[in-house]
Amino acid sequence: MRKVYSDRTEERCEQIALYMLENNATVRKAASRFGISKSTVHKDVTGNLKKYNYRLYLKVKELLDVNKSERHVRGGEATRKKYSEIKMIKTKQTLP
């Protein structure tokens, strides 16, 4: 049995994809912006979008590949920032 997709799903997929491309956004940022889960965003832009708008899918796929190759850098930066803030707080607490 073939699954029938609604027009809303198609529209949402395209809106998410365009937002991601225009803002160079990650899946996490897009999910936050649209108020849906990361899983839904990923499913929409990799699975559903491929059925509705293949050209747009290919563009988003490129962005996702770049984001995937850079995520270890973003994760490391977030960790560095976290511990830098903790160190700053501890320094302020020890000052007279």
PDB file of N, CA and C in Angstrom:
ATOM      1  N   MET A   1       0.840  -1.179   0.000  1.00  0.00           N
ATOM      2  CA  MET A   1       0.000   0.000   0.000  1.00  0.00           C
ATOM      3  C   MET A   1       0.884   1.240   0.000  1.00  0.00           C
ATOM      4  N   ARG A   2       0.607   2.147  -0.894  1.00  0.00           N
ATOM      5  CA  ARG A   2       1.393   3.370  -1.019  1.00  0.00           C
ATOM      6  C   ARG A   2       0.902   4.409  -0.026  1.00  0.00           C
ATOM      7  N   LYS A   3       1.846   5.057   0.635  1.00  0.00           N
ATOM      8  CA  LYS A   3       1.495   6.079   1.617  1.00  0.00           C
ATOM      9  C   LYS A   3       1.179   7.392   0.898  1.00  0.00           C
ATOM     10  N   VAL A   4       0.092   8.025   1.290  1.00  0.00           N
ATOM     11  CA  VAL A   4      -0.308   9.289   0.687  1.00  0.00           C
ATOM     12  C   VAL A   4       0.204  10.426   1.563  1.00  0.00           C
ATOM     13  N   TYR A   5       0.913  11.376   0.954  1.00  0.00           N
ATOM     14  CA  TYR A   5       1.462  12.515   1.683  1.00  0.00           C
ATOM     15  C   TYR A   5       0.561  13.718   1.486  1.00  0.00           C
ATOM     16  N   SER A   6       0.390  14.461   2.534  1.00  0.00           N
ATOM     17  CA  SER A   6      -0.473  15.632   2.453  1.00  0.00           C
ATOM     18  C   SER A   6       0.282  16.815   1.868  1.00  0.00           C
ATOM     19  N   ASP A   7      -0.459  17.806   1.412  1.00  0.00           N
ATOM     20  CA  ASP A   7       0.143  19.031   0.894  1.00  0.00           C
ATOM     21  C   ASP A   7       0.916  19.756   1.983  1.00  0.00           C
ATOM     22  N   ARG A   8       0.437  19.645   3.223  1.00  0.00           N
ATOM     23  CA  ARG A   8       1.130  20.314   4.328  1.00  0.00           C
ATOM     24  C   ARG A   8       2.527  19.760   4.520  1.00  0.00           C
ATOM     25  N   THR A   9       2.676  18.464   4.370  1.00  0.00           N
ATOM     26  CA  THR A   9       3.997  17.846   4.513  1.00  0.00           C
ATOM     27  C   THR A   9       4.931  18.369   3.439  1.00  0.00           C
ATOM     28  N   GLU A  10       4.446  18.432   2.223  1.00  0.00           N
ATOM     29  CA  GLU A  10       5.259  18.935   1.115  1.00  0.00           C
ATOM     30  C   GLU A  10       5.668  20.382   1.370  1.00  0.00           C
ATOM     31  N   GLU A  11       4.714  21.179   1.783  1.00  0.00           N
ATOM     32  CA  GLU A  11       4.990  22.601   2.062  1.00  0.00           C
ATOM     33  C   GLU A  11       5.984  22.745   3.207  1.00  0.00           C
ATOM     34  N   ARG A  12       5.803  21.963   4.262  1.00  0.00           N
ATOM     35  CA  ARG A  12       6.709  22.034   5.414  1.00  0.00           C
ATOM     36  C   ARG A  12       8.124  21.630   5.013  1.00  0.00           C
ATOM     37  N   CYS A  13       8.242  20.581   4.222  1.00  0.00           N
ATOM     38  CA  CYS A  13       9.564  20.124   3.773  1.00  0.00           C
ATOM     39  C   CYS A  13      10.287  21.233   3.014  1.00  0.00           C
ATOM     40  N   GLU A  14       9.582  21.870   2.118  1.00  0.00           N
ATOM     41  CA  GLU A  14      10.190  22.928   1.319  1.00  0.00           C
ATOM     42  C   GLU A  14      10.526  24.148   2.171  1.00  0.00           C
ATOM     43  N   GLN A  15       9.667  24.502   3.112  1.00  0.00           N
ATOM     44  CA  GLN A  15       9.944  25.637   3.996  1.00  0.00           C
ATOM     45  C   GLN A  15      11.185  25.378   4.839  1.00  0.00           C
ATOM     46  N   ILE A  16      11.284  24.194   5.389  1.00  0.00           N
ATOM     47  CA  ILE A  16      12.444  23.845   6.206  1.00  0.00           C
ATOM     48  C   ILE A  16      13.712  23.888   5.360  1.00  0.00           C
ATOM     49  N   ALA A  17      13.650  23.294   4.176  1.00  0.00           N
ATOM     50  CA  ALA A  17      14.819  23.254   3.293  1.00  0.00           C
ATOM     51  C   ALA A  17      15.265  24.662   2.917  1.00  0.00           C
ATOM     52  N   LEU A  18      14.326  25.512   2.556  1.00  0.00           N
ATOM     53  CA  LEU A  18      14.674  26.886   2.179  1.00  0.00           C
ATOM     54  C   LEU A  18      15.260  27.644   3.360  1.00  0.00           C
ATOM     55  N   TYR A  19      14.690  27.446   4.539  1.00  0.00           N
ATOM     56  CA  TYR A  19      15.224  28.099   5.742  1.00  0.00           C
ATOM     57  C   TYR A  19      16.668  27.654   5.989  1.00  0.00           C
ATOM     58  N   MET A  20      16.900  26.354   5.884  1.00  0.00           N
ATOM     59  CA  MET A  20      18.243  25.825   6.133  1.00  0.00           C
ATOM     60  C   MET A  20      19.243  26.396   5.134  1.00  0.00           C
ATOM     61  N   LEU A  21      18.858  26.484   3.875  1.00  0.00           N
ATOM     62  CA  LEU A  21      19.764  26.993   2.850  1.00  0.00           C
ATOM     63  C   LEU A  21      20.016  28.495   3.009  1.00  0.00           C
ATOM     64  N   GLU A  22      18.964  29.257   3.275  1.00  0.00           N
ATOM     65  CA  GLU A  22      19.098  30.708   3.404  1.00  0.00           C
ATOM     66  C   GLU A  22      19.914  31.107   4.624  1.00  0.00           C
ATOM     67  N   ASN A  23      19.802  30.317   5.694  1.00  0.00           N
ATOM     68  CA  ASN A  23      20.468  30.669   6.950  1.00  0.00           C
ATOM     69  C   ASN A  23      21.664  29.788   7.269  1.00  0.00           C
ATOM     70  N   ASN A  24      22.010  28.899   6.334  1.00  0.00           N
ATOM     71  CA  ASN A  24      23.107  27.962   6.556  1.00  0.00           C
ATOM     72  C   ASN A  24      22.916  27.256   7.900  1.00  0.00           C
ATOM     73  N   ALA A  25      21.684  26.835   8.146  1.00  0.00           N
ATOM     74  CA  ALA A  25      21.281  26.305   9.447  1.00  0.00           C
ATOM     75  C   ALA A  25      21.529  24.807   9.558  1.00  0.00           C
ATOM     76  N   THR A  26      21.707  24.378  10.784  1.00  0.00           N
ATOM     77  CA  THR A  26      21.828  22.957  11.089  1.00  0.00           C
ATOM     78  C   THR A  26      20.427  22.381  11.299  1.00  0.00           C
ATOM     79  N   VAL A  27      20.352  21.067  11.380  1.00  0.00           N
ATOM     80  CA  VAL A  27      19.077  20.400  11.646  1.00  0.00           C
ATOM     81  C   VAL A  27      18.538  20.875  12.991  1.00  0.00           C
ATOM     82  N   ARG A  28      19.411  21.007  13.967  1.00  0.00           N
ATOM     83  CA  ARG A  28      19.003  21.438  15.306  1.00  0.00           C
ATOM     84  C   ARG A  28      18.402  22.851  15.269  1.00  0.00           C
ATOM     85  N   LYS A  29      19.040  23.766  14.539  1.00  0.00           N
ATOM     86  CA  LYS A  29      18.516  25.138  14.439  1.00  0.00           C
ATOM     87  C   LYS A  29      17.171  25.164  13.733  1.00  0.00           C
ATOM     88  N   ALA A  30      17.041  24.374  12.671  1.00  0.00           N
ATOM     89  CA  ALA A  30      15.774  24.328  11.932  1.00  0.00           C
ATOM     90  C   ALA A  30      14.663  23.745  12.807  1.00  0.00           C
ATOM     91  N   ALA A  31      14.995  22.722  13.565  1.00  0.00           N
ATOM     92  CA  ALA A  31      13.996  22.113  14.452  1.00  0.00           C
ATOM     93  C   ALA A  31      13.523  23.124  15.487  1.00  0.00           C
ATOM     94  N   SER A  32      14.449  23.872  16.030  1.00  0.00           N
ATOM     95  CA  SER A  32      14.109  24.891  17.017  1.00  0.00           C
ATOM     96  C   SER A  32      13.241  25.976  16.387  1.00  0.00           C
ATOM     97  N   ARG A  33      13.593  26.396  15.199  1.00  0.00           N
ATOM     98  CA  ARG A  33      12.868  27.469  14.500  1.00  0.00           C
ATOM     99  C   ARG A  33      11.432  27.068  14.178  1.00  0.00           C
ATOM    100  N   PHE A  34      11.229  25.808  13.764  1.00  0.00           N
ATOM    101  CA  PHE A  34       9.897  25.354  13.364  1.00  0.00           C
ATOM    102  C   PHE A  34       9.131  24.659  14.480  1.00  0.00           C
ATOM    103  N   GLY A  35       9.773  24.474  15.626  1.00  0.00           N
ATOM    104  CA  GLY A  35       9.086  23.860  16.763  1.00  0.00           C
ATOM    105  C   GLY A  35       8.770  22.388  16.571  1.00  0.00           C
ATOM    106  N   ILE A  36       9.647  21.691  15.877  1.00  0.00           N
ATOM    107  CA  ILE A  36       9.471  20.258  15.669  1.00  0.00           C
ATOM    108  C   ILE A  36      10.762  19.545  16.061  1.00  0.00           C
ATOM    109  N   SER A  37      10.722  18.237  16.083  1.00  0.00           N
ATOM    110  CA  SER A  37      11.899  17.473  16.518  1.00  0.00           C
ATOM    111  C   SER A  37      12.969  17.432  15.428  1.00  0.00           C
ATOM    112  N   LYS A  38      14.204  17.169  15.869  1.00  0.00           N
ATOM    113  CA  LYS A  38      15.310  17.017  14.922  1.00  0.00           C
ATOM    114  C   LYS A  38      15.045  15.849  13.987  1.00  0.00           C
ATOM    115  N   SER A  39      14.441  14.811  14.527  1.00  0.00           N
ATOM    116  CA  SER A  39      14.137  13.626  13.711  1.00  0.00           C
ATOM    117  C   SER A  39      13.184  13.971  12.576  1.00  0.00           C
ATOM    118  N   THR A  40      12.189  14.792  12.874  1.00  0.00           N
ATOM    119  CA  THR A  40      11.219  15.190  11.859  1.00  0.00           C
ATOM    120  C   THR A  40      11.883  16.041  10.792  1.00  0.00           C
ATOM    121  N   VAL A  41      12.734  16.971  11.208  1.00  0.00           N
ATOM    122  CA  VAL A  41      13.446  17.813  10.243  1.00  0.00           C
ATOM    123  C   VAL A  41      14.299  16.942   9.341  1.00  0.00           C
ATOM    124  N   HIS A  42      15.048  16.041   9.938  1.00  0.00           N
ATOM    125  CA  HIS A  42      15.931  15.189   9.146  1.00  0.00           C
ATOM    126  C   HIS A  42      15.140  14.314   8.183  1.00  0.00           C
ATOM    127  N   LYS A  43      14.048  13.756   8.672  1.00  0.00           N
ATOM    128  CA  LYS A  43      13.203  12.910   7.814  1.00  0.00           C
ATOM    129  C   LYS A  43      12.612  13.730   6.668  1.00  0.00           C
ATOM    130  N   ASP A  44      12.177  14.944   6.970  1.00  0.00           N
ATOM    131  CA  ASP A  44      11.590  15.793   5.944  1.00  0.00           C
ATOM    132  C   ASP A  44      12.595  16.179   4.867  1.00  0.00           C
ATOM    133  N   VAL A  45      13.795  16.592   5.266  1.00  0.00           N
ATOM    134  CA  VAL A  45      14.745  17.096   4.269  1.00  0.00           C
ATOM    135  C   VAL A  45      15.550  15.997   3.572  1.00  0.00           C
ATOM    136  N   THR A  46      15.571  14.796   4.126  1.00  0.00           N
ATOM    137  CA  THR A  46      16.312  13.729   3.451  1.00  0.00           C
ATOM    138  C   THR A  46      15.384  12.728   2.771  1.00  0.00           C
ATOM    139  N   GLY A  47      14.251  12.458   3.365  1.00  0.00           N
ATOM    140  CA  GLY A  47      13.339  11.458   2.792  1.00  0.00           C
ATOM    141  C   GLY A  47      12.207  12.057   2.001  1.00  0.00           C
ATOM    142  N   ASN A  48      11.385  12.835   2.680  1.00  0.00           N
ATOM    143  CA  ASN A  48      10.187  13.372   2.038  1.00  0.00           C
ATOM    144  C   ASN A  48      10.510  14.376   0.936  1.00  0.00           C
ATOM    145  N   LEU A  49      11.465  15.247   1.176  1.00  0.00           N
ATOM    146  CA  LEU A  49      11.796  16.278   0.186  1.00  0.00           C
ATOM    147  C   LEU A  49      12.285  15.658  -1.121  1.00  0.00           C
ATOM    148  N   LYS A  50      12.948  14.541  -1.015  1.00  0.00           N
ATOM    149  CA  LYS A  50      13.463  13.847  -2.200  1.00  0.00           C
ATOM    150  C   LYS A  50      12.310  13.491  -3.147  1.00  0.00           C
ATOM    151  N   LYS A  51      11.147  13.186  -2.592  1.00  0.00           N
ATOM    152  CA  LYS A  51       9.975  12.824  -3.393  1.00  0.00           C
ATOM    153  C   LYS A  51       9.299  14.041  -4.005  1.00  0.00           C
ATOM    154  N   TYR A  52       9.381  15.185  -3.318  1.00  0.00           N
ATOM    155  CA  TYR A  52       8.648  16.369  -3.745  1.00  0.00           C
ATOM    156  C   TYR A  52       9.467  17.308  -4.630  1.00  0.00           C
ATOM    157  N   ASN A  53      10.728  17.524  -4.261  1.00  0.00           N
ATOM    158  CA  ASN A  53      11.535  18.519  -4.953  1.00  0.00           C
ATOM    159  C   ASN A  53      12.990  18.036  -4.948  1.00  0.00           C
ATOM    160  N   TYR A  54      13.339  17.270  -5.946  1.00  0.00           N
ATOM    161  CA  TYR A  54      14.650  16.616  -5.969  1.00  0.00           C
ATOM    162  C   TYR A  54      15.800  17.629  -6.043  1.00  0.00           C
ATOM    163  N   ARG A  55      15.629  18.693  -6.802  1.00  0.00           N
ATOM    164  CA  ARG A  55      16.696  19.707  -6.898  1.00  0.00           C
ATOM    165  C   ARG A  55      16.974  20.342  -5.549  1.00  0.00           C
ATOM    166  N   LEU A  56      15.921  20.704  -4.844  1.00  0.00           N
ATOM    167  CA  LEU A  56      16.076  21.305  -3.518  1.00  0.00           C
ATOM    168  C   LEU A  56      16.701  20.288  -2.558  1.00  0.00           C
ATOM    169  N   TYR A  57      16.305  19.043  -2.676  1.00  0.00           N
ATOM    170  CA  TYR A  57      16.879  17.977  -1.857  1.00  0.00           C
ATOM    171  C   TYR A  57      18.391  17.898  -2.038  1.00  0.00           C
ATOM    172  N   LEU A  58      18.851  17.971  -3.290  1.00  0.00           N
ATOM    173  CA  LEU A  58      20.292  17.883  -3.553  1.00  0.00           C
ATOM    174  C   LEU A  58      21.055  19.038  -2.914  1.00  0.00           C
ATOM    175  N   LYS A  59      20.475  20.236  -2.942  1.00  0.00           N
ATOM    176  CA  LYS A  59      21.117  21.398  -2.316  1.00  0.00           C
ATOM    177  C   LYS A  59      21.201  21.227  -0.800  1.00  0.00           C
ATOM    178  N   VAL A  60      20.117  20.757  -0.210  1.00  0.00           N
ATOM    179  CA  VAL A  60      20.104  20.556   1.244  1.00  0.00           C
ATOM    180  C   VAL A  60      21.055  19.426   1.625  1.00  0.00           C
ATOM    181  N   LYS A  61      21.136  18.408   0.800  1.00  0.00           N
ATOM    182  CA  LYS A  61      22.046  17.300   1.071  1.00  0.00           C
ATOM    183  C   LYS A  61      23.490  17.797   1.136  1.00  0.00           C
ATOM    184  N   GLU A  62      23.851  18.712   0.252  1.00  0.00           N
ATOM    185  CA  GLU A  62      25.196  19.299   0.293  1.00  0.00           C
ATOM    186  C   GLU A  62      25.428  20.014   1.620  1.00  0.00           C
ATOM    187  N   LEU A  63      24.437  20.802   2.045  1.00  0.00           N
ATOM    188  CA  LEU A  63      24.548  21.517   3.312  1.00  0.00           C
ATOM    189  C   LEU A  63      24.671  20.541   4.476  1.00  0.00           C
ATOM    190  N   LEU A  64      23.879  19.482   4.471  1.00  0.00           N
ATOM    191  CA  LEU A  64      23.946  18.488   5.542  1.00  0.00           C
ATOM    192  C   LEU A  64      25.308  17.803   5.577  1.00  0.00           C
ATOM    193  N   ASP A  65      25.871  17.547   4.402  1.00  0.00           N
ATOM    194  CA  ASP A  65      27.197  16.925   4.345  1.00  0.00           C
ATOM    195  C   ASP A  65      28.260  17.853   4.934  1.00  0.00           C
ATOM    196  N   VAL A  66      28.164  19.147   4.633  1.00  0.00           N
ATOM    197  CA  VAL A  66      29.103  20.122   5.198  1.00  0.00           C
ATOM    198  C   VAL A  66      28.931  20.183   6.712  1.00  0.00           C
ATOM    199  N   ASN A  67      27.682  20.273   7.160  1.00  0.00           N
ATOM    200  CA  ASN A  67      27.416  20.330   8.603  1.00  0.00           C
ATOM    201  C   ASN A  67      27.956  19.088   9.309  1.00  0.00           C
ATOM    202  N   LYS A  68      27.792  17.937   8.675  1.00  0.00           N
ATOM    203  CA  LYS A  68      28.270  16.700   9.281  1.00  0.00           C
ATOM    204  C   LYS A  68      29.792  16.692   9.384  1.00  0.00           C
ATOM    205  N   SER A  69      30.450  17.218   8.365  1.00  0.00           N
ATOM    206  CA  SER A  69      31.917  17.234   8.387  1.00  0.00           C
ATOM    207  C   SER A  69      32.462  18.241   9.396  1.00  0.00           C
ATOM    208  N   GLU A  70      31.648  19.241   9.767  1.00  0.00           N
ATOM    209  CA  GLU A  70      32.092  20.283  10.697  1.00  0.00           C
ATOM    210  C   GLU A  70      31.597  20.086  12.123  1.00  0.00           C
ATOM    211  N   ARG A  71      30.751  19.112  12.367  1.00  0.00           N
ATOM    212  CA  ARG A  71      30.124  19.022  13.684  1.00  0.00           C
ATOM    213  C   ARG A  71      31.108  18.750  14.807  1.00  0.00           C
ATOM    214  N   HIS A  72      32.186  18.043  14.533  1.00  0.00           N
ATOM    215  CA  HIS A  72      33.170  17.804  15.590  1.00  0.00           C
ATOM    216  C   HIS A  72      33.840  19.114  16.010  1.00  0.00           C
ATOM    217  N   VAL A  73      33.967  20.045  15.077  1.00  0.00           N
ATOM    218  CA  VAL A  73      34.554  21.352  15.395  1.00  0.00           C
ATOM    219  C   VAL A  73      33.587  22.150  16.266  1.00  0.00           C
ATOM    220  N   ARG A  74      32.308  22.159  15.875  1.00  0.00           N
ATOM    221  CA  ARG A  74      31.305  22.894  16.665  1.00  0.00           C
ATOM    222  C   ARG A  74      31.172  22.300  18.062  1.00  0.00           C
ATOM    223  N   GLY A  75      31.218  20.985  18.153  1.00  0.00           N
ATOM    224  CA  GLY A  75      31.134  20.321  19.456  1.00  0.00           C
ATOM    225  C   GLY A  75      32.316  20.672  20.328  1.00  0.00           C
ATOM    226  N   GLY A  76      33.499  20.681  19.747  1.00  0.00           N
ATOM    227  CA  GLY A  76      34.708  21.043  20.497  1.00  0.00           C
ATOM    228  C   GLY A  76      34.661  22.485  20.953  1.00  0.00           C
ATOM    229  N   GLU A  77      34.162  23.358  20.118  1.00  0.00           N
ATOM    230  CA  GLU A  77      34.046  24.778  20.469  1.00  0.00           C
ATOM    231  C   GLU A  77      33.056  24.965  21.612  1.00  0.00           C
ATOM    232  N   ALA A  78      31.957  24.248  21.582  1.00  0.00           N
ATOM    233  CA  ALA A  78      30.962  24.343  22.649  1.00  0.00           C
ATOM    234  C   ALA A  78      31.548  23.870  23.978  1.00  0.00           C
ATOM    235  N   THR A  79      32.314  22.795  23.934  1.00  0.00           N
ATOM    236  CA  THR A  79      32.947  22.275  25.149  1.00  0.00           C
ATOM    237  C   THR A  79      33.967  23.278  25.686  1.00  0.00           C
ATOM    238  N   ARG A  80      34.764  23.858  24.791  1.00  0.00           N
ATOM    239  CA  ARG A  80      35.755  24.849  25.202  1.00  0.00           C
ATOM    240  C   ARG A  80      35.072  26.044  25.862  1.00  0.00           C
ATOM    241  N   LYS A  81      33.987  26.502  25.264  1.00  0.00           N
ATOM    242  CA  LYS A  81      33.243  27.641  25.809  1.00  0.00           C
ATOM    243  C   LYS A  81      32.665  27.301  27.185  1.00  0.00           C
ATOM    244  N   LYS A  82      32.123  26.124  27.328  1.00  0.00           N
ATOM    245  CA  LYS A  82      31.530  25.689  28.594  1.00  0.00           C
ATOM    246  C   LYS A  82      32.561  25.729  29.721  1.00  0.00           C
ATOM    247  N   TYR A  83      33.718  25.113  29.473  1.00  0.00           N
ATOM    248  CA  TYR A  83      34.728  25.058  30.527  1.00  0.00           C
ATOM    249  C   TYR A  83      35.396  26.404  30.759  1.00  0.00           C
ATOM    250  N   SER A  84      35.430  27.239  29.756  1.00  0.00           N
ATOM    251  CA  SER A  84      35.949  28.590  29.919  1.00  0.00           C
ATOM    252  C   SER A  84      35.036  29.389  30.860  1.00  0.00           C
ATOM    253  N   GLU A  85      33.739  29.230  30.684  1.00  0.00           N
ATOM    254  CA  GLU A  85      32.767  29.914  31.546  1.00  0.00           C
ATOM    255  C   GLU A  85      32.855  29.386  32.983  1.00  0.00           C
ATOM    256  N   ILE A  86      33.010  28.097  33.141  1.00  0.00           N
ATOM    257  CA  ILE A  86      33.142  27.510  34.479  1.00  0.00           C
ATOM    258  C   ILE A  86      34.393  28.051  35.163  1.00  0.00           C
ATOM    259  N   LYS A  87      35.484  28.130  34.432  1.00  0.00           N
ATOM    260  CA  LYS A  87      36.738  28.644  34.977  1.00  0.00           C
ATOM    261  C   LYS A  87      36.572  30.101  35.407  1.00  0.00           C
ATOM    262  N   MET A  88      35.869  30.892  34.596  1.00  0.00           N
ATOM    263  CA  MET A  88      35.644  32.297  34.910  1.00  0.00           C
ATOM    264  C   MET A  88      34.814  32.441  36.192  1.00  0.00           C
ATOM    265  N   ILE A  89      33.804  31.615  36.337  1.00  0.00           N
ATOM    266  CA  ILE A  89      32.960  31.658  37.534  1.00  0.00           C
ATOM    267  C   ILE A  89      33.762  31.300  38.769  1.00  0.00           C
ATOM    268  N   LYS A  90      34.582  30.264  38.674  1.00  0.00           N
ATOM    269  CA  LYS A  90      35.407  29.848  39.807  1.00  0.00           C
ATOM    270  C   LYS A  90      36.405  30.942  40.174  1.00  0.00           C
ATOM    271  N   THR A  91      36.961  31.607  39.179  1.00  0.00           N
ATOM    272  CA  THR A  91      37.917  32.688  39.428  1.00  0.00           C
ATOM    273  C   THR A  91      37.240  33.831  40.174  1.00  0.00           C
ATOM    274  N   LYS A  92      36.035  34.184  39.774  1.00  0.00           N
ATOM    275  CA  LYS A  92      35.298  35.263  40.450  1.00  0.00           C
ATOM    276  C   LYS A  92      34.962  34.901  41.883  1.00  0.00           C
ATOM    277  N   GLN A  93      34.677  33.625  42.138  1.00  0.00           N
ATOM    278  CA  GLN A  93      34.325  33.191  43.497  1.00  0.00           C
ATOM    279  C   GLN A  93      35.520  33.227  44.429  1.00  0.00           C
ATOM    280  N   THR A  94      36.724  33.033  43.896  1.00  0.00           N
ATOM    281  CA  THR A  94      37.914  33.018  44.754  1.00  0.00           C
ATOM    282  C   THR A  94      38.477  34.406  45.012  1.00  0.00           C
ATOM    283  N   LEU A  95      38.045  35.401  44.259  1.00  0.00           N
ATOM    284  CA  LEU A  95      38.514  36.772  44.474  1.00  0.00           C
ATOM    285  C   LEU A  95      37.908  37.342  45.755  1.00  0.00           C
ATOM    286  N   PRO A  96      38.700  38.136  46.515  1.00  0.00           N
ATOM    287  CA  PRO A  96      38.168  38.705  47.757  1.00  0.00           C
ATOM    288  C   PRO A  96      37.167  39.790  47.546  1.00  0.00           C
TER     289      PRO A  96
END
